[in-house]
Structure formats: structure tokens, C-alpha cells
Amino acid sequence: MSKYRDLPRLNAFRRAALLPLFFAGLCACTPGEKFDSSKPAAGLVFDVGGRGDKSFNDSAYNGIERAQKDFKIPIDYIEPGEGADKESALRQLASGHYGLIFGTGFLFTDDINTVAVDFPAKKFACIDYALDPSKAIPPNVLAIKFKEEEGSFLVGAIAALTTKTNAVGFVGGMDIPLIHKFEAGYRAGALHVNPKCKVLVGYAGVTGEAFKNPAKGKELALSQIGKGADVIFHASGSTGLGVFEAARDRHIYAIGVDSDQYAEAPGYILTSMVKMVDISVYKTIREYLNGTFKGGLQEFGLAEDGVGYVYDKNNKDLIKPEVIKKVEELKKLIIAGKIKVPNK
């Protein structure tokens, strides 16, 4: 059985300019809206890499922490150790005073489906839920998915419009369909604006360990730099910290993922493809408390402000204004359905 850890507070990530406004909209209660303070607390089980990955897991934490502050509800977490049983962690929360339980990552899909059937009175949410057409989503499970390929398309365009070598790189964590969405969108965006651009690709592995191997991330990045890449996008959890180290060492640009990762290598993070995991967690808790939680599928793309890219005071001098103008035009075309972004 997984054990609780004493989890220190982290500084909030730098966010894109739209985030404070978006969160403010979520926080403002509509007239007559009521929250049921008698409902049990919310719990969350972290994914591979755990707290401190400065990416996916920390974004989920930011969302549930903000909900705790705004709605005055008790929350708790489990961070599974090496080789720990995710199902056991979910059951631990479901057996306690937790009415809404999150599994953070696609690896939770089967376990959440199993536990949800055994605890029909509890609500569950799985971030990056792995859809299986042959299996129905349990009625008390919310499957949260993102159109990562859309945000990746935009940062791919930024990379290809910024490169001086006509070569950019992509470092993925685990070689799976979810990460292929990042790669496919990035490649499509780069080639859309710069057909002569070479896109170099490498993956850190085929198991969950591929999301927490900075040494491998640096190795892959250095290999791509050696082949000419001067901008590298990673979608690899804490493995990406190695990509940032390589960027600093060789004075090229890196692109962060999931959260604004500028602080990890100031001056070398061209932008970050942000995935609003925090907002999806916050929104789900809000719906649970006001009685509007519904199981099924919710997908967040550019149109829903579920994905995007960072452009703020930290990186505005790294990206030319004409590049941002072009990327914003592409964003509008994607939302309008005039550009179809591939997801594999």
C-alpha cells in the first residue's frame, strides 16, 4: 500500500498571460451557485515522476491546491513509490472520506475503471484517459483528454520559424500513442511553415521510467544537436530536465511542455506548450461540489483554452513579433477547422 508523504509547497509556475484571467472566470461564482460543503474531500494519486516534475504532476497539484483554497475543502494526495500499485492507492482514497478521486495519467485508466465499479457512490476522474472503443467508460468516471497535437503544432511552427539551421528536434518520453500526438503536431506545425525543415525525433524508452530519466533526455538532445538541431521540444516529464541541461550547455533553445518551464533554463526556453491540467482539475472539483459532475469524455483543445503556448515578458525577446503574428493566424485557422492537425 502506498504511503502519504509530507508534500512541501512549490512556487507556482509562470503562466501564460491568459491563465490568470481564465482562472478568474472559473473562480467567480455565478448568481445563486452553491457548493455542498458536506461532500467528502478530493484526493489525487500522482503519475510516474511524482511531485516535483515541474510539469504534468505539478500542474495537477496546482489545480487541486487552488480548489482547496477557493472552496475551503480538505484534499489529500498519494505519491506511489517505485513499483507501487496504482490500484491500491486509488482504493485507499476511495475507502476513505474522499468523494472525488483523480488518477493523474493514462496509466491509471484500467485501475480507475476497476475501482470505480467497486465504489459506485464515489466519483473518479482520469487525466489523459486512454480510450478503448471496445469498453464503456463507467458512469462515475470522467475521462479527461487534451488535444496535445494542436498546441504542439503551434510550438512546432515557432521552432521552424526560429531555427537558423533548418533542423529542430523532438524528445519524447515513453514511446506510446499519447506522446506520438505531441510529435505529430510538432512535426506538422514545423513543416507547415518551413517545408525544408528537418525534424529529428528520439524517445527515452518504452516503460514509465522513460518519463523520469534526465540523463537519457540529455543524451538524446545532444545527439540531435550534433545533427544540427538548434531548437528541441520535449514531451517527457522530468526526462526533459536533461534536454534543458543540453540546451544550456550547447547554447540552443528548448521548448517546455505541460507547464511554463521557463524558470528551468532562463534564456534558453523559447516557449512551452502548456496543457491546462490544473484548470481541468479545478473545473472538475468545482462541478463535483456544485452537483454538475458528469461521467463520460471531456476533451480540451485550442478552442477550449485547454492547450496553448507561452508568450510573456520572459520570452518575448526570444520570439520575433512576426512569428507570433503568424502563429496566432494558425491558431485561428485550427479553431475554425481550416487546418486539420494530425494526432499520429
Protein backbone atom coordinates (compact mmCIF):
# COMPACT_ATOMS: atom_id res chain seq x y z
CA MET A 1 0.00 0.00 0.00
CA SER A 2 1.32 3.43 -0.87
CA LYS A 3 2.06 5.80 1.96
CA TYR A 4 1.41 9.51 2.26
CA ARG A 5 4.36 11.82 2.08
CA ASP A 6 4.93 15.20 3.61
CA LEU A 7 4.49 17.31 0.49
CA PRO A 8 6.16 20.75 0.58
CA ARG A 9 4.61 23.65 -1.23
CA LEU A 10 6.07 24.60 -4.60
CA ASN A 11 6.20 28.03 -6.14
CA ALA A 12 3.52 28.47 -8.78
CA PHE A 13 4.74 28.18 -12.33
CA ARG A 14 4.97 31.21 -14.53
CA ARG A 15 1.86 31.06 -16.65
CA ALA A 16 0.84 32.47 -19.99
CA ALA A 17 -0.88 35.82 -19.74
CA LEU A 18 -4.32 34.31 -20.34
CA LEU A 19 -4.23 31.99 -17.34
CA PRO A 20 -4.98 34.45 -14.52
CA LEU A 21 -7.98 35.72 -16.49
CA PHE A 22 -9.16 32.20 -17.26
CA PHE A 23 -8.86 31.11 -13.65
CA ALA A 24 -10.61 34.28 -12.50
CA GLY A 25 -13.54 33.30 -14.67
CA LEU A 26 -13.65 29.88 -13.09
CA CYS A 27 -13.43 31.26 -9.58
CA ALA A 28 -16.24 33.76 -9.94
CA CYS A 29 -19.40 32.05 -8.67
CA THR A 30 -22.47 32.53 -10.81
CA PRO A 31 -25.52 34.05 -9.12
CA GLY A 32 -27.23 31.51 -6.90
CA GLU A 33 -24.43 28.95 -7.27
CA LYS A 34 -23.98 26.85 -4.13
CA PHE A 35 -21.31 24.43 -3.07
CA ASP A 36 -22.08 21.46 -0.88
CA SER A 37 -19.58 21.76 1.98
CA SER A 38 -20.80 18.45 3.42
CA LYS A 39 -19.40 16.50 0.49
CA PRO A 40 -16.26 14.46 1.16
CA ALA A 41 -12.85 15.73 0.20
CA ALA A 42 -10.98 15.33 -3.07
CA GLY A 43 -7.95 13.07 -3.43
CA LEU A 44 -5.29 12.66 -6.09
CA VAL A 45 -2.76 9.97 -6.96
CA PHE A 46 0.33 11.18 -8.80
CA ASP A 47 1.72 9.72 -12.00
CA VAL A 48 5.25 8.50 -12.82
CA GLY A 49 7.74 11.18 -11.84
CA GLY A 50 5.57 12.37 -8.95
CA ARG A 51 5.61 15.77 -7.32
CA GLY A 52 8.46 17.98 -8.35
CA ASP A 53 8.49 17.01 -12.03
CA LYS A 54 7.89 20.72 -12.77
CA SER A 55 5.49 19.63 -15.47
CA PHE A 56 2.43 17.34 -15.64
CA ASN A 57 2.17 16.23 -12.00
CA ASP A 58 2.90 19.64 -10.56
CA SER A 59 0.24 21.16 -12.80
CA ALA A 60 -2.33 18.73 -11.40
CA TYR A 61 -1.20 19.65 -7.90
CA ASN A 62 -1.60 23.36 -8.63
CA GLY A 63 -5.21 22.76 -9.69
CA ILE A 64 -6.24 20.78 -6.64
CA GLU A 65 -4.40 23.15 -4.29
CA ARG A 66 -6.21 26.13 -5.77
CA ALA A 67 -9.53 24.35 -5.35
CA GLN A 68 -8.69 23.75 -1.70
CA LYS A 69 -8.10 27.46 -1.16
CA ASP A 70 -11.10 28.70 -3.12
CA PHE A 71 -13.68 26.17 -1.97
CA LYS A 72 -12.33 25.51 1.55
CA ILE A 73 -12.34 21.74 1.12
CA PRO A 74 -9.94 19.17 2.55
CA ILE A 75 -7.69 17.47 0.00
CA ASP A 76 -5.03 14.80 0.11
CA TYR A 77 -2.50 13.06 -2.12
CA ILE A 78 -0.73 9.81 -2.59
CA GLU A 79 2.59 9.63 -4.37
CA PRO A 80 3.23 5.98 -5.23
CA GLY A 81 6.78 4.83 -4.70
CA GLU A 82 8.86 2.77 -7.09
CA GLY A 83 6.80 -0.15 -8.39
CA ALA A 84 3.83 0.81 -6.22
CA ASP A 85 0.35 -0.43 -7.08
CA LYS A 86 -1.78 2.38 -8.50
CA GLU A 87 -4.99 0.45 -7.92
CA SER A 88 -4.17 0.12 -4.23
CA ALA A 89 -3.59 3.87 -3.97
CA LEU A 90 -6.95 4.58 -5.61
CA ARG A 91 -8.70 2.10 -3.31
CA GLN A 92 -7.08 3.70 -0.29
CA LEU A 93 -8.66 7.04 -1.18
CA ALA A 94 -11.99 5.55 -2.28
CA SER A 95 -12.26 3.64 1.00
CA GLY A 96 -11.78 6.83 2.98
CA HIS A 97 -13.53 10.19 3.13
CA TYR A 98 -12.85 11.11 -0.47
CA GLY A 99 -15.82 11.69 -2.77
CA LEU A 100 -13.80 12.63 -5.85
CA ILE A 101 -10.58 10.83 -6.74
CA PHE A 102 -8.14 11.74 -9.54
CA GLY A 103 -5.70 9.47 -11.30
CA THR A 104 -3.03 11.59 -12.91
CA GLY A 105 -2.02 9.96 -16.18
CA PHE A 106 -3.09 7.41 -18.79
CA LEU A 107 -1.51 4.58 -16.78
CA PHE A 108 -4.44 4.89 -14.34
CA THR A 109 -7.11 4.09 -16.93
CA ASP A 110 -7.65 0.38 -16.23
CA ASP A 111 -7.24 0.78 -12.47
CA ILE A 112 -9.75 3.64 -12.28
CA ASN A 113 -12.26 1.66 -14.32
CA THR A 114 -11.91 -1.28 -11.93
CA VAL A 115 -12.08 0.73 -8.71
CA ALA A 116 -14.97 2.89 -9.95
CA VAL A 117 -17.13 -0.20 -10.45
CA ASP A 118 -16.40 -1.29 -6.87
CA PHE A 119 -17.19 2.18 -5.48
CA PRO A 120 -20.25 3.37 -7.47
CA ALA A 121 -21.06 6.11 -4.94
CA LYS A 122 -17.70 7.81 -5.47
CA LYS A 123 -16.66 9.99 -8.42
CA PHE A 124 -13.43 9.48 -10.35
CA ALA A 125 -11.51 11.46 -12.95
CA CYS A 126 -8.59 10.28 -15.06
CA ILE A 127 -6.33 12.79 -16.77
CA ASP A 128 -5.19 11.57 -20.21
CA TYR A 129 -7.64 8.66 -20.01
CA ALA A 130 -6.81 6.01 -22.63
CA LEU A 131 -10.00 5.46 -24.62
CA ASP A 132 -10.79 1.92 -25.73
CA PRO A 133 -13.67 1.73 -28.24
CA SER A 134 -14.49 -1.77 -27.03
CA LYS A 135 -15.02 -0.66 -23.43
CA ALA A 136 -17.53 1.77 -21.98
CA ILE A 137 -16.45 4.47 -19.56
CA PRO A 138 -18.04 3.74 -16.16
CA PRO A 139 -20.83 6.27 -15.40
CA ASN A 140 -18.98 7.65 -12.35
CA VAL A 141 -15.73 8.24 -14.28
CA LEU A 142 -14.78 11.44 -16.09
CA ALA A 143 -12.28 10.80 -18.88
CA ILE A 144 -10.23 13.99 -19.36
CA LYS A 145 -8.29 14.26 -22.61
CA PHE A 146 -6.40 17.03 -24.35
CA LYS A 147 -5.68 17.83 -27.98
CA GLU A 148 -1.94 17.97 -27.39
CA GLU A 149 -1.33 17.90 -31.12
CA GLU A 150 -2.93 21.34 -31.53
CA GLY A 151 -0.69 23.08 -29.01
CA SER A 152 2.30 21.15 -30.36
CA PHE A 153 1.51 22.36 -33.88
CA LEU A 154 1.89 25.95 -32.72
CA VAL A 155 5.22 25.42 -30.94
CA GLY A 156 6.41 23.44 -33.96
CA ALA A 157 5.69 26.49 -36.07
CA ILE A 158 7.57 28.70 -33.61
CA ALA A 159 10.54 26.32 -33.70
CA ALA A 160 10.66 26.17 -37.51
CA LEU A 161 10.35 29.94 -37.84
CA THR A 162 13.14 30.46 -35.30
CA THR A 163 15.71 27.84 -36.31
CA LYS A 164 18.85 29.07 -38.05
CA THR A 165 19.94 25.59 -39.10
CA ASN A 166 16.69 24.33 -40.63
CA ALA A 167 16.77 21.46 -38.13
CA VAL A 168 14.68 21.06 -34.98
CA GLY A 169 14.34 18.20 -32.52
CA PHE A 170 11.72 16.33 -30.52
CA VAL A 171 12.46 14.24 -27.41
CA GLY A 172 9.60 12.04 -26.25
CA GLY A 173 9.36 10.11 -23.02
CA MET A 174 7.60 6.77 -23.37
CA ASP A 175 7.12 5.61 -26.97
CA ILE A 176 3.31 5.43 -26.91
CA PRO A 177 0.34 6.90 -28.85
CA LEU A 178 -0.18 9.71 -26.31
CA ILE A 179 3.32 11.09 -26.86
CA HIS A 180 3.03 10.46 -30.59
CA LYS A 181 0.31 13.16 -30.56
CA PHE A 182 2.89 15.72 -29.41
CA GLU A 183 5.36 14.56 -32.05
CA ALA A 184 2.79 14.53 -34.87
CA GLY A 185 1.53 18.03 -34.11
CA TYR A 186 5.04 19.44 -33.69
CA ARG A 187 6.22 17.94 -36.97
CA ALA A 188 3.11 19.17 -38.82
CA GLY A 189 3.47 22.70 -37.47
CA ALA A 190 7.15 22.89 -38.34
CA LEU A 191 6.68 21.63 -41.88
CA HIS A 192 3.60 23.78 -42.44
CA VAL A 193 5.64 26.98 -42.11
CA ASN A 194 9.02 25.64 -43.23
CA PRO A 195 8.76 22.63 -45.58
CA LYS A 196 12.55 22.33 -45.78
CA CYS A 197 12.94 21.97 -42.01
CA LYS A 198 14.34 18.67 -40.75
CA VAL A 199 12.59 17.23 -37.67
CA LEU A 200 14.77 14.89 -35.60
CA VAL A 201 12.99 12.53 -33.19
CA GLY A 202 14.08 10.38 -30.24
CA TYR A 203 12.29 8.55 -27.43
CA ALA A 204 13.66 7.77 -23.98
CA GLY A 205 12.15 4.29 -23.65
CA VAL A 206 9.11 2.02 -23.68
CA THR A 207 8.26 1.93 -19.96
CA GLY A 208 7.14 4.52 -17.45
CA GLU A 209 10.78 5.05 -16.46
CA ALA A 210 11.16 7.00 -19.72
CA PHE A 211 9.39 9.92 -18.05
CA LYS A 212 11.96 10.31 -15.28
CA ASN A 213 15.38 9.86 -16.85
CA PRO A 214 17.11 13.26 -17.27
CA ALA A 215 20.38 11.59 -18.26
CA LYS A 216 18.68 9.93 -21.22
CA GLY A 217 16.98 13.19 -22.10
CA LYS A 218 20.33 14.96 -22.25
CA GLU A 219 21.84 12.16 -24.31
CA LEU A 220 19.05 12.33 -26.88
CA ALA A 221 19.20 16.12 -27.04
CA LEU A 222 22.97 16.18 -27.51
CA SER A 223 22.63 13.65 -30.33
CA GLN A 224 20.09 15.87 -32.08
CA ILE A 225 22.22 18.97 -31.52
CA GLY A 226 25.11 17.10 -33.10
CA LYS A 227 22.93 16.59 -36.18
CA GLY A 228 22.15 20.30 -36.43
CA ALA A 229 19.08 20.88 -34.27
CA ASP A 230 19.05 24.29 -32.61
CA VAL A 231 15.52 24.08 -31.14
CA ILE A 232 14.32 20.96 -29.26
CA PHE A 233 10.81 20.31 -27.92
CA HIS A 234 10.37 17.69 -25.23
CA ALA A 235 7.30 15.78 -24.06
CA SER A 236 8.96 13.58 -21.49
CA GLY A 237 8.21 14.60 -17.90
CA SER A 238 11.31 15.10 -15.78
CA THR A 239 13.40 13.49 -18.54
CA GLY A 240 13.09 16.88 -20.18
CA LEU A 241 15.28 18.42 -17.48
CA GLY A 242 18.17 16.74 -19.27
CA VAL A 243 17.07 18.39 -22.52
CA PHE A 244 17.22 21.76 -20.78
CA GLU A 245 20.71 21.00 -19.48
CA ALA A 246 21.86 20.18 -23.00
CA ALA A 247 20.31 23.41 -24.27
CA ARG A 248 22.23 25.44 -21.70
CA ASP A 249 25.49 23.60 -22.39
CA ARG A 250 25.28 23.99 -26.17
CA HIS A 251 23.51 27.35 -26.27
CA ILE A 252 20.46 26.30 -28.25
CA TYR A 253 16.75 26.67 -27.49
CA ALA A 254 14.48 24.15 -25.79
CA ILE A 255 10.68 24.12 -25.64
CA GLY A 256 8.97 23.08 -22.42
CA VAL A 257 5.79 21.06 -22.02
CA ASP A 258 2.58 20.94 -19.96
CA SER A 259 3.55 23.89 -17.72
CA ASP A 260 5.54 27.06 -18.32
CA GLN A 261 9.07 25.73 -17.82
CA TYR A 262 10.98 28.96 -18.45
CA ALA A 263 12.36 29.02 -14.91
CA GLU A 264 14.22 25.74 -15.51
CA ALA A 265 16.62 27.37 -18.01
CA PRO A 266 16.01 31.12 -18.27
CA GLY A 267 17.04 32.49 -21.64
CA TYR A 268 17.10 29.04 -23.22
CA ILE A 269 13.40 28.13 -23.06
CA LEU A 270 11.97 29.51 -26.27
CA THR A 271 8.39 28.78 -25.17
CA SER A 272 6.38 25.97 -23.57
CA MET A 273 3.43 24.02 -24.93
CA VAL A 274 1.08 24.43 -21.99
CA LYS A 275 -1.56 21.83 -21.25
CA MET A 276 -4.08 23.13 -18.74
CA VAL A 277 -4.13 20.13 -16.43
CA ASP A 278 -4.51 22.46 -13.47
CA ILE A 279 -7.61 24.08 -14.96
CA SER A 280 -9.20 20.73 -15.80
CA VAL A 281 -8.64 19.50 -12.23
CA TYR A 282 -10.01 22.71 -10.74
CA LYS A 283 -13.04 22.70 -13.05
CA THR A 284 -13.84 19.06 -12.21
CA ILE A 285 -13.74 19.73 -8.46
CA ARG A 286 -15.98 22.76 -8.95
CA GLU A 287 -18.53 20.69 -10.88
CA TYR A 288 -18.41 17.94 -8.26
CA LEU A 289 -19.12 20.42 -5.46
CA ASN A 290 -21.98 22.18 -7.24
CA GLY A 291 -23.59 18.91 -8.27
CA THR A 292 -22.97 19.11 -12.03
CA PHE A 293 -20.29 16.42 -12.28
CA LYS A 294 -20.98 14.04 -15.18
CA GLY A 295 -19.10 10.97 -16.22
CA GLY A 296 -18.00 10.49 -19.80
CA LEU A 297 -15.47 12.20 -22.02
CA GLN A 298 -14.30 15.82 -21.86
CA GLU A 299 -11.67 16.97 -24.35
CA PHE A 300 -9.75 20.24 -24.22
CA GLY A 301 -8.13 21.80 -27.28
CA LEU A 302 -7.29 25.29 -28.55
CA ALA A 303 -10.97 26.21 -28.81
CA GLU A 304 -11.49 25.40 -25.11
CA ASP A 305 -8.24 27.09 -24.00
CA GLY A 306 -7.14 23.61 -22.94
CA VAL A 307 -3.77 23.81 -24.69
CA GLY A 308 -1.62 26.67 -25.91
CA TYR A 309 1.83 28.19 -25.77
CA VAL A 310 3.63 30.70 -23.58
CA TYR A 311 4.40 34.19 -24.79
CA ASP A 312 5.03 36.68 -22.00
CA LYS A 313 7.60 39.06 -20.57
CA ASN A 314 10.09 36.25 -20.02
CA ASN A 315 10.37 35.06 -23.61
CA LYS A 316 9.05 37.97 -25.69
CA ASP A 317 12.60 38.94 -26.66
CA LEU A 318 13.32 35.40 -27.87
CA ILE A 319 10.48 35.22 -30.40
CA LYS A 320 10.11 37.76 -33.19
CA PRO A 321 6.77 39.64 -33.35
CA GLU A 322 6.18 38.44 -36.91
CA VAL A 323 6.49 34.84 -35.68
CA ILE A 324 3.81 35.40 -33.05
CA LYS A 325 1.59 37.07 -35.63
CA LYS A 326 1.90 34.03 -37.90
CA VAL A 327 1.28 31.58 -35.07
CA GLU A 328 -1.83 33.43 -33.95
CA GLU A 329 -3.14 33.22 -37.51
CA LEU A 330 -2.52 29.47 -37.49
CA LYS A 331 -4.32 29.17 -34.16
CA LYS A 332 -7.43 30.82 -35.60
CA LEU A 333 -7.35 28.52 -38.63
CA ILE A 334 -7.12 25.42 -36.42
CA ILE A 335 -10.02 26.56 -34.25
CA ALA A 336 -12.06 27.29 -37.37
CA GLY A 337 -11.35 23.80 -38.69
CA LYS A 338 -9.44 25.07 -41.71
CA ILE A 339 -6.25 23.32 -40.59
CA LYS A 340 -6.61 19.69 -39.54
CA VAL A 341 -3.80 18.76 -37.17
CA PRO A 342 -2.71 15.11 -37.27
CA ASN A 343 -2.56 13.23 -33.96
CA LYS A 344 -0.41 10.28 -35.00
